[in-house]
Amino acid sequence: MKVAVLIPCYNESKTIAKVVADFRAQLPQAEIYVYDNNSTDGTDEIARKAGAIVRYEYRQGKGNVIRSMFRDIEADCYLMIDGDDTYPAANAPEMVDWVLNRQADMVVGDRLSATYFTENKRPFHNLGNRLVRRLVNSIFKGDISDIMTGYRAFSYQFVKSFPVLSKGFEIETEMTIHALDKNLFVKSVPVDYRDRPQDSPSKLNTYTDGLKVLRTIARLYKEYRPLSFFGLFAAIFAGAGIGLFIPVLVEFAKTGLVPRFPTLIVASVLWVLSLLMLVCGLVLDTVARKHRQQFEVDLNLLRLLRQRNREK
């Protein structure tokens, strides 16, 4: 069975040769692909000399790189790893085995259950990882320990059925939410994490990329769980309407008069908005359910097509 190691890279000349060599040693049968994303430090040439297959993605952003990787490469198992030498190659055979022999759709290299919080020197990254993990698992009813890890293995079915929409570092969050929403088999494997070398600066911006991740969670919450999303706004509007209406009702019960007509009008408008939010949630929830059903059909067709191609 064919295994492809996927390494998206942007200015990783300090570490890419070691990453390629480490994964070549652990997975000698695998083809190692380095996708260079407009590097200016010779990352591509170093990776080529180390024995990797080098390709290029000129649209900037990790999400754009992964979109091209997933479209271009055919394999039975895909192992994705960052080129910054922060993840150990020793876990690669186990992660690949979960995909090839135990039918996992996605295997997550879980940093947060191992050494991440002691190795990582950026406290806001620690806080952000905890926040994202809590949000995603609570909203999408999951139990995934590390949402934003860049160390993952995928099945063919996952790679060819995953719609890549994100352009940047929020892609890992999108992958995780997609797997939870579609009830795919996700396995977490604890992996040791080591911080980047001092002369290899991180490309991740704590604040701007963190906000992009939170926006991605909100967008996918709306798209994948519309009844819950719009139901939340319906409850807020309904509660505010009731809060405004009660004093008007009490005053009417005492005097038989309604002198606060503007308040009554605002309360009525809030109730109408609440009903609209609820109706939107119900309609879009039906659409989302139909999309999940169609995804299952498409997955079966994809599997059948792959079997036929193998028989030819």
Foldseek 3Di string as FASTA:
>chain_A
DEEEEEEEDAAQLPFQLVVLVQLCVVCVRYAYEYEYAPHDPCNQVSNVVSPHHYHYDPQDAPLSVLLCVLVPDDGQKYWFDYRQPFFGSNCVVVQRCCVPPVPAAKEAAAAQVACCVVADPDVLVVVLQVVLQVLLCVLLVHDDRGQQDRTMMGGNLLSVLQDRDDGHSLRSNSSVSVCSLLVGGYHYDYTHTHDGPPVRDDPDDSPPVSVVNVVVSLVVSCQRQVQVNLLVLLVVLLVVLVVLVVVQVVVCVVPVDRPPVVSNVSSVVSNVSSVVSNVRSVVSNVVNVVVSVVSVVVSVVVVVVVVVVVVD
